[in-house]
Amino acid sequence: MIAYLEGRLLEVGESSLVLVTEGGVGYELYAPVPLLARLPVRGEQLTVYVQTIVREDAIELYGFEDWESRKLFAMLISISKLGPKTGLAILSMYSPDDLRRVVADEDVAALTKVPGIGKKTGQHIFLELKYKLKDTVGDLPAAGPAGSVLRDAVTGLVNLGYSEEEARPAVEQALADDADLDVAEALRAALKRLAAKR
C-alpha cells in the first residue's frame, strides 16, 4: 500500500494533482481543498501522505499534507455509508482540530454545512466521530475560537459568491497575519486580499 510520496508537482486539477517521483512515475492523487490551495508552483518538490483505496474497478490515491489528516480521513471512511468523496469534502471544510471542536461543542449542525451531508447523515457521522475522537478532544489547543472564525468567515465569503477554493486560503492568510481577528474582521481582511487579486 502506498502511504507516502515525494516528487515534483506536474499538474493540478479541480480536485486532484499529479506528482512525479524521481523514477519518472506519475501518480494522480485526489486531495482536500486546503492542500490544493497551498500547492507549490508546477515543477517544485512536494511531499504527501497517501491513503490507498482499492476497489474492484479502480485503485485510487488520496493525498494529505500531514499524517494526522491522513489518519482522520481513514477514520472518516471507516464510518458506514461514508465514502472517500464525502470524507474529502469534510476535510476540505474542516481541519482535524476543527472536527475535534465540532465534537467538543456538540455542533452537529456544522457537519450539515458540508456539501452532500443532510441532517440525518450529519447526526450519524457526528455520533461515530464522537466515539472515535473521544480520547483526543482533550488535546485541543487552547486557542479556542480560531477554527470557528475560519469556518464562519469562509461560509460568509461563499455566501457572497466566492468559491470555497478562493475563500479558504484568503481567510487562512488573514488569520495567519492576525490570529485574534473576529469573524467580521477576518471577512474584511480576506475580502481585501481577494479584491487585490482581481
C-alpha atoms as a PDB file:
ATOM      1  CA  MET A   1       0.000   0.000   0.000  1.00  0.00           C
ATOM      2  CA  ILE A   2       1.310   3.472  -0.871  1.00  0.00           C
ATOM      3  CA  ALA A   3       1.389   5.660   2.266  1.00  0.00           C
ATOM      4  CA  TYR A   4       3.815   8.463   1.350  1.00  0.00           C
ATOM      5  CA  LEU A   5       5.159  10.039  -1.843  1.00  0.00           C
ATOM      6  CA  GLU A   6       7.878  12.552  -2.655  1.00  0.00           C
ATOM      7  CA  GLY A   7       8.253  14.120  -6.046  1.00  0.00           C
ATOM      8  CA  ARG A   8       7.659  17.028  -8.382  1.00  0.00           C
ATOM      9  CA  LEU A   9       4.274  18.655  -8.932  1.00  0.00           C
ATOM     10  CA  LEU A  10       3.324  18.088 -12.574  1.00  0.00           C
ATOM     11  CA  GLU A  11      -0.360  19.032 -12.880  1.00  0.00           C
ATOM     12  CA  VAL A  12      -3.177  20.439 -10.728  1.00  0.00           C
ATOM     13  CA  GLY A  13      -6.843  19.671 -11.380  1.00  0.00           C
ATOM     14  CA  GLU A  14     -10.060  20.779  -9.707  1.00  0.00           C
ATOM     15  CA  SER A  15      -9.925  18.015  -7.113  1.00  0.00           C
ATOM     16  CA  SER A  16      -6.619  16.269  -7.760  1.00  0.00           C
ATOM     17  CA  LEU A  17      -2.935  16.704  -8.514  1.00  0.00           C
ATOM     18  CA  VAL A  18      -0.305  14.724 -10.391  1.00  0.00           C
ATOM     19  CA  LEU A  19       3.006  14.082  -8.634  1.00  0.00           C
ATOM     20  CA  VAL A  20       6.013  12.637 -10.487  1.00  0.00           C
ATOM     21  CA  THR A  21       8.547  10.671  -8.451  1.00  0.00           C
ATOM     22  CA  GLU A  22      12.297  10.617  -9.114  1.00  0.00           C
ATOM     23  CA  GLY A  23      11.874   7.370 -11.012  1.00  0.00           C
ATOM     24  CA  GLY A  24       9.600   9.116 -13.517  1.00  0.00           C
ATOM     25  CA  VAL A  25       6.315   7.556 -12.355  1.00  0.00           C
ATOM     26  CA  GLY A  26       3.363   9.961 -12.142  1.00  0.00           C
ATOM     27  CA  TYR A  27       0.646   9.446  -9.531  1.00  0.00           C
ATOM     28  CA  GLU A  28      -2.743  11.151  -9.565  1.00  0.00           C
ATOM     29  CA  LEU A  29      -3.915  11.960  -6.044  1.00  0.00           C
ATOM     30  CA  TYR A  30      -7.304  13.303  -5.012  1.00  0.00           C
ATOM     31  CA  ALA A  31      -6.778  15.946  -2.341  1.00  0.00           C
ATOM     32  CA  PRO A  32      -8.752  18.214   0.012  1.00  0.00           C
ATOM     33  CA  VAL A  33      -9.134  21.896  -0.895  1.00  0.00           C
ATOM     34  CA  PRO A  34      -6.640  23.247   1.725  1.00  0.00           C
ATOM     35  CA  LEU A  35      -3.829  21.128   0.239  1.00  0.00           C
ATOM     36  CA  LEU A  36      -4.728  22.091  -3.351  1.00  0.00           C
ATOM     37  CA  ALA A  37      -4.817  25.757  -2.313  1.00  0.00           C
ATOM     38  CA  ARG A  38      -1.313  25.611  -0.821  1.00  0.00           C
ATOM     39  CA  LEU A  39       0.478  23.683  -3.551  1.00  0.00           C
ATOM     40  CA  PRO A  40       3.827  24.965  -4.803  1.00  0.00           C
ATOM     41  CA  VAL A  41       4.196  26.025  -8.446  1.00  0.00           C
ATOM     42  CA  ARG A  42       4.401  23.279 -11.070  1.00  0.00           C
ATOM     43  CA  GLY A  43       7.834  21.702 -11.158  1.00  0.00           C
ATOM     44  CA  GLU A  44       8.513  22.297  -7.453  1.00  0.00           C
ATOM     45  CA  GLN A  45       9.071  19.498  -4.923  1.00  0.00           C
ATOM     46  CA  LEU A  46       6.113  18.162  -2.959  1.00  0.00           C
ATOM     47  CA  THR A  47       5.636  15.540  -0.250  1.00  0.00           C
ATOM     48  CA  VAL A  48       2.264  13.973   0.550  1.00  0.00           C
ATOM     49  CA  TYR A  49       0.898  11.337   2.895  1.00  0.00           C
ATOM     50  CA  VAL A  50      -1.269   8.915   0.953  1.00  0.00           C
ATOM     51  CA  GLN A  51      -4.314   6.763   1.616  1.00  0.00           C
ATOM     52  CA  THR A  52      -4.662   3.997  -0.975  1.00  0.00           C
ATOM     53  CA  ILE A  53      -8.159   2.727  -1.686  1.00  0.00           C
ATOM     54  CA  VAL A  54      -8.506  -0.457  -3.726  1.00  0.00           C
ATOM     55  CA  ARG A  55     -11.875  -1.108  -5.360  1.00  0.00           C
ATOM     56  CA  GLU A  56     -12.970  -3.763  -7.830  1.00  0.00           C
ATOM     57  CA  ASP A  57     -12.733  -1.349 -10.749  1.00  0.00           C
ATOM     58  CA  ALA A  58     -10.001   1.074  -9.615  1.00  0.00           C
ATOM     59  CA  ILE A  59      -7.111   1.895  -7.322  1.00  0.00           C
ATOM     60  CA  GLU A  60      -7.465   5.451  -6.010  1.00  0.00           C
ATOM     61  CA  LEU A  61      -4.900   7.534  -4.131  1.00  0.00           C
ATOM     62  CA  TYR A  62      -5.826  10.343  -1.737  1.00  0.00           C
ATOM     63  CA  GLY A  63      -3.145  12.828  -0.706  1.00  0.00           C
ATOM     64  CA  PHE A  64      -2.785  14.835   2.527  1.00  0.00           C
ATOM     65  CA  GLU A  65      -0.253  17.342   3.801  1.00  0.00           C
ATOM     66  CA  ASP A  66       0.209  15.692   7.197  1.00  0.00           C
ATOM     67  CA  TRP A  67      -0.130  12.289   8.855  1.00  0.00           C
ATOM     68  CA  GLU A  68      -2.939  13.468  11.149  1.00  0.00           C
ATOM     69  CA  SER A  69      -5.184  14.446   8.216  1.00  0.00           C
ATOM     70  CA  ARG A  70      -4.480  11.113   6.566  1.00  0.00           C
ATOM     71  CA  LYS A  71      -5.384   9.248   9.783  1.00  0.00           C
ATOM     72  CA  LEU A  72      -8.577  11.274  10.124  1.00  0.00           C
ATOM     73  CA  PHE A  73      -9.535  10.517   6.508  1.00  0.00           C
ATOM     74  CA  ALA A  74      -9.053   6.783   7.189  1.00  0.00           C
ATOM     75  CA  MET A  75     -11.221   7.178  10.293  1.00  0.00           C
ATOM     76  CA  LEU A  76     -13.941   9.019   8.351  1.00  0.00           C
ATOM     77  CA  ILE A  77     -14.158   6.427   5.568  1.00  0.00           C
ATOM     78  CA  SER A  78     -14.408   3.677   8.206  1.00  0.00           C
ATOM     79  CA  ILE A  79     -17.827   5.151   9.107  1.00  0.00           C
ATOM     80  CA  SER A  80     -20.591   3.153   7.429  1.00  0.00           C
ATOM     81  CA  LYS A  81     -22.059   4.748   4.280  1.00  0.00           C
ATOM     82  CA  LEU A  82     -19.360   7.449   4.240  1.00  0.00           C
ATOM     83  CA  GLY A  83     -17.307   7.196   1.049  1.00  0.00           C
ATOM     84  CA  PRO A  84     -13.977   8.809   0.120  1.00  0.00           C
ATOM     85  CA  LYS A  85     -15.612  11.734  -1.710  1.00  0.00           C
ATOM     86  CA  THR A  86     -17.599  12.721   1.387  1.00  0.00           C
ATOM     87  CA  GLY A  87     -14.516  12.195   3.567  1.00  0.00           C
ATOM     88  CA  LEU A  88     -12.584  14.544   1.284  1.00  0.00           C
ATOM     89  CA  ALA A  89     -15.417  17.103   1.357  1.00  0.00           C
ATOM     90  CA  ILE A  90     -15.342  17.092   5.181  1.00  0.00           C
ATOM     91  CA  LEU A  91     -11.552  17.588   5.255  1.00  0.00           C
ATOM     92  CA  SER A  92     -11.876  20.332   2.631  1.00  0.00           C
ATOM     93  CA  MET A  93     -14.009  22.258   5.090  1.00  0.00           C
ATOM     94  CA  TYR A  94     -12.628  21.263   8.499  1.00  0.00           C
ATOM     95  CA  SER A  95      -9.118  20.611   9.806  1.00  0.00           C
ATOM     96  CA  PRO A  96      -8.575  17.794  12.349  1.00  0.00           C
ATOM     97  CA  ASP A  97      -8.709  20.373  15.179  1.00  0.00           C
ATOM     98  CA  ASP A  98     -11.922  21.862  13.735  1.00  0.00           C
ATOM     99  CA  LEU A  99     -13.527  18.407  13.771  1.00  0.00           C
ATOM    100  CA  ARG A 100     -12.463  17.807  17.355  1.00  0.00           C
ATOM    101  CA  ARG A 101     -14.064  21.149  18.244  1.00  0.00           C
ATOM    102  CA  VAL A 102     -17.260  20.115  16.443  1.00  0.00           C
ATOM    103  CA  VAL A 103     -17.320  17.066  18.747  1.00  0.00           C
ATOM    104  CA  ALA A 104     -16.360  19.034  21.893  1.00  0.00           C
ATOM    105  CA  ASP A 105     -19.030  21.689  21.185  1.00  0.00           C
ATOM    106  CA  GLU A 106     -21.683  19.074  20.235  1.00  0.00           C
ATOM    107  CA  ASP A 107     -22.059  21.059  16.994  1.00  0.00           C
ATOM    108  CA  VAL A 108     -23.946  18.541  14.822  1.00  0.00           C
ATOM    109  CA  ALA A 109     -25.151  21.333  12.508  1.00  0.00           C
ATOM    110  CA  ALA A 110     -21.540  22.075  11.457  1.00  0.00           C
ATOM    111  CA  LEU A 111     -21.403  18.773   9.560  1.00  0.00           C
ATOM    112  CA  THR A 112     -24.537  19.594   7.562  1.00  0.00           C
ATOM    113  CA  LYS A 113     -22.667  22.586   6.057  1.00  0.00           C
ATOM    114  CA  VAL A 114     -20.553  20.089   4.105  1.00  0.00           C
ATOM    115  CA  PRO A 115     -21.978  19.633   0.566  1.00  0.00           C
ATOM    116  CA  GLY A 116     -23.849  16.337   0.298  1.00  0.00           C
ATOM    117  CA  ILE A 117     -24.421  15.845   4.038  1.00  0.00           C
ATOM    118  CA  GLY A 118     -28.001  16.201   5.250  1.00  0.00           C
ATOM    119  CA  LYS A 119     -29.328  16.346   8.801  1.00  0.00           C
ATOM    120  CA  LYS A 120     -29.717  12.584   9.256  1.00  0.00           C
ATOM    121  CA  THR A 121     -26.301  11.745   7.793  1.00  0.00           C
ATOM    122  CA  GLY A 122     -24.730  14.581   9.816  1.00  0.00           C
ATOM    123  CA  GLN A 123     -26.100  13.110  13.048  1.00  0.00           C
ATOM    124  CA  HIS A 124     -24.843   9.643  12.114  1.00  0.00           C
ATOM    125  CA  ILE A 125     -21.334  10.956  11.300  1.00  0.00           C
ATOM    126  CA  PHE A 126     -21.303  13.073  14.473  1.00  0.00           C
ATOM    127  CA  LEU A 127     -22.126  10.101  16.731  1.00  0.00           C
ATOM    128  CA  GLU A 128     -19.421   7.981  15.084  1.00  0.00           C
ATOM    129  CA  LEU A 129     -16.870  10.810  15.357  1.00  0.00           C
ATOM    130  CA  LYS A 130     -17.782  11.405  18.984  1.00  0.00           C
ATOM    131  CA  TYR A 131     -16.932   7.787  19.742  1.00  0.00           C
ATOM    132  CA  LYS A 132     -13.801   7.645  17.554  1.00  0.00           C
ATOM    133  CA  LEU A 133     -12.364  11.008  18.673  1.00  0.00           C
ATOM    134  CA  LYS A 134     -13.320  10.814  22.359  1.00  0.00           C
ATOM    135  CA  ASP A 135      -9.712  10.299  23.500  1.00  0.00           C
ATOM    136  CA  THR A 136      -8.323  13.236  21.504  1.00  0.00           C
ATOM    137  CA  VAL A 137     -10.833  16.020  22.238  1.00  0.00           C
ATOM    138  CA  GLY A 138      -8.946  16.957  25.417  1.00  0.00           C
ATOM    139  CA  ASP A 139      -5.809  17.607  23.334  1.00  0.00           C
ATOM    140  CA  LEU A 140      -7.281  20.669  21.625  1.00  0.00           C
ATOM    141  CA  PRO A 141      -5.044  23.725  21.592  1.00  0.00           C
ATOM    142  CA  ALA A 142      -6.218  26.457  23.927  1.00  0.00           C
ATOM    143  CA  ALA A 143      -6.583  28.912  21.058  1.00  0.00           C
ATOM    144  CA  GLY A 144     -10.295  28.076  21.022  1.00  0.00           C
ATOM    145  CA  PRO A 145     -12.349  30.011  18.541  1.00  0.00           C
ATOM    146  CA  ALA A 146      -9.897  30.344  15.613  1.00  0.00           C
ATOM    147  CA  GLY A 147     -11.361  27.241  13.931  1.00  0.00           C
ATOM    148  CA  SER A 148     -14.909  28.578  14.127  1.00  0.00           C
ATOM    149  CA  VAL A 149     -13.780  32.049  12.929  1.00  0.00           C
ATOM    150  CA  LEU A 150     -12.179  30.376   9.912  1.00  0.00           C
ATOM    151  CA  ARG A 151     -15.280  28.285   9.265  1.00  0.00           C
ATOM    152  CA  ASP A 152     -17.744  31.186   9.637  1.00  0.00           C
ATOM    153  CA  ALA A 153     -15.646  33.642   7.591  1.00  0.00           C
ATOM    154  CA  VAL A 154     -15.255  31.099   4.759  1.00  0.00           C
ATOM    155  CA  THR A 155     -19.019  30.458   4.851  1.00  0.00           C
ATOM    156  CA  GLY A 156     -19.586  34.232   4.679  1.00  0.00           C
ATOM    157  CA  LEU A 157     -17.394  34.564   1.578  1.00  0.00           C
ATOM    158  CA  VAL A 158     -19.089  31.585  -0.086  1.00  0.00           C
ATOM    159  CA  ASN A 159     -22.449  33.271   0.593  1.00  0.00           C
ATOM    160  CA  LEU A 160     -21.070  36.375  -1.140  1.00  0.00           C
ATOM    161  CA  GLY A 161     -20.418  34.332  -4.265  1.00  0.00           C
ATOM    162  CA  TYR A 162     -16.767  33.289  -3.847  1.00  0.00           C
ATOM    163  CA  SER A 163     -15.819  29.644  -4.279  1.00  0.00           C
ATOM    164  CA  GLU A 164     -14.549  27.609  -1.328  1.00  0.00           C
ATOM    165  CA  GLU A 165     -11.212  27.317  -3.216  1.00  0.00           C
ATOM    166  CA  GLU A 166     -10.836  31.127  -3.266  1.00  0.00           C
ATOM    167  CA  ALA A 167     -12.313  31.831   0.148  1.00  0.00           C
ATOM    168  CA  ARG A 168     -10.471  29.445   2.462  1.00  0.00           C
ATOM    169  CA  PRO A 169      -6.850  30.430   1.556  1.00  0.00           C
ATOM    170  CA  ALA A 170      -7.746  34.141   1.817  1.00  0.00           C
ATOM    171  CA  VAL A 171      -9.217  33.678   5.312  1.00  0.00           C
ATOM    172  CA  GLU A 172      -6.347  31.392   6.379  1.00  0.00           C
ATOM    173  CA  GLN A 173      -3.813  34.063   5.312  1.00  0.00           C
ATOM    174  CA  ALA A 174      -5.751  36.776   7.163  1.00  0.00           C
ATOM    175  CA  LEU A 175      -5.770  34.658  10.347  1.00  0.00           C
ATOM    176  CA  ALA A 176      -2.082  33.802   9.901  1.00  0.00           C
ATOM    177  CA  ASP A 177      -1.346  37.563   9.937  1.00  0.00           C
ATOM    178  CA  ASP A 178      -3.534  38.140  12.997  1.00  0.00           C
ATOM    179  CA  ALA A 179      -4.929  35.148  14.907  1.00  0.00           C
ATOM    180  CA  ASP A 180      -7.086  37.386  17.152  1.00  0.00           C
ATOM    181  CA  LEU A 181      -9.460  38.538  14.386  1.00  0.00           C
ATOM    182  CA  ASP A 182     -13.170  38.001  14.918  1.00  0.00           C
ATOM    183  CA  VAL A 183     -15.407  36.772  12.066  1.00  0.00           C
ATOM    184  CA  ALA A 184     -16.237  40.252  10.711  1.00  0.00           C
ATOM    185  CA  GLU A 185     -12.577  41.363  10.795  1.00  0.00           C
ATOM    186  CA  ALA A 186     -11.387  38.124   9.154  1.00  0.00           C
ATOM    187  CA  LEU A 187     -14.058  38.576   6.486  1.00  0.00           C
ATOM    188  CA  ARG A 188     -12.947  42.160   5.765  1.00  0.00           C
ATOM    189  CA  ALA A 189      -9.244  41.205   5.644  1.00  0.00           C
ATOM    190  CA  ALA A 190      -9.964  38.263   3.326  1.00  0.00           C
ATOM    191  CA  LEU A 191     -12.115  40.436   1.035  1.00  0.00           C
ATOM    192  CA  LYS A 192      -9.216  42.911   0.722  1.00  0.00           C
ATOM    193  CA  ARG A 193      -6.887  40.088  -0.296  1.00  0.00           C
ATOM    194  CA  LEU A 194      -9.376  38.727  -2.822  1.00  0.00           C
ATOM    195  CA  ALA A 195     -10.012  42.214  -4.281  1.00  0.00           C
ATOM    196  CA  ALA A 196      -6.256  42.771  -4.690  1.00  0.00           C
ATOM    197  CA  LYS A 197      -6.003  39.565  -6.750  1.00  0.00           C
ATOM    198  CA  ARG A 198      -8.763  40.538  -9.182  1.00  0.00           C
END
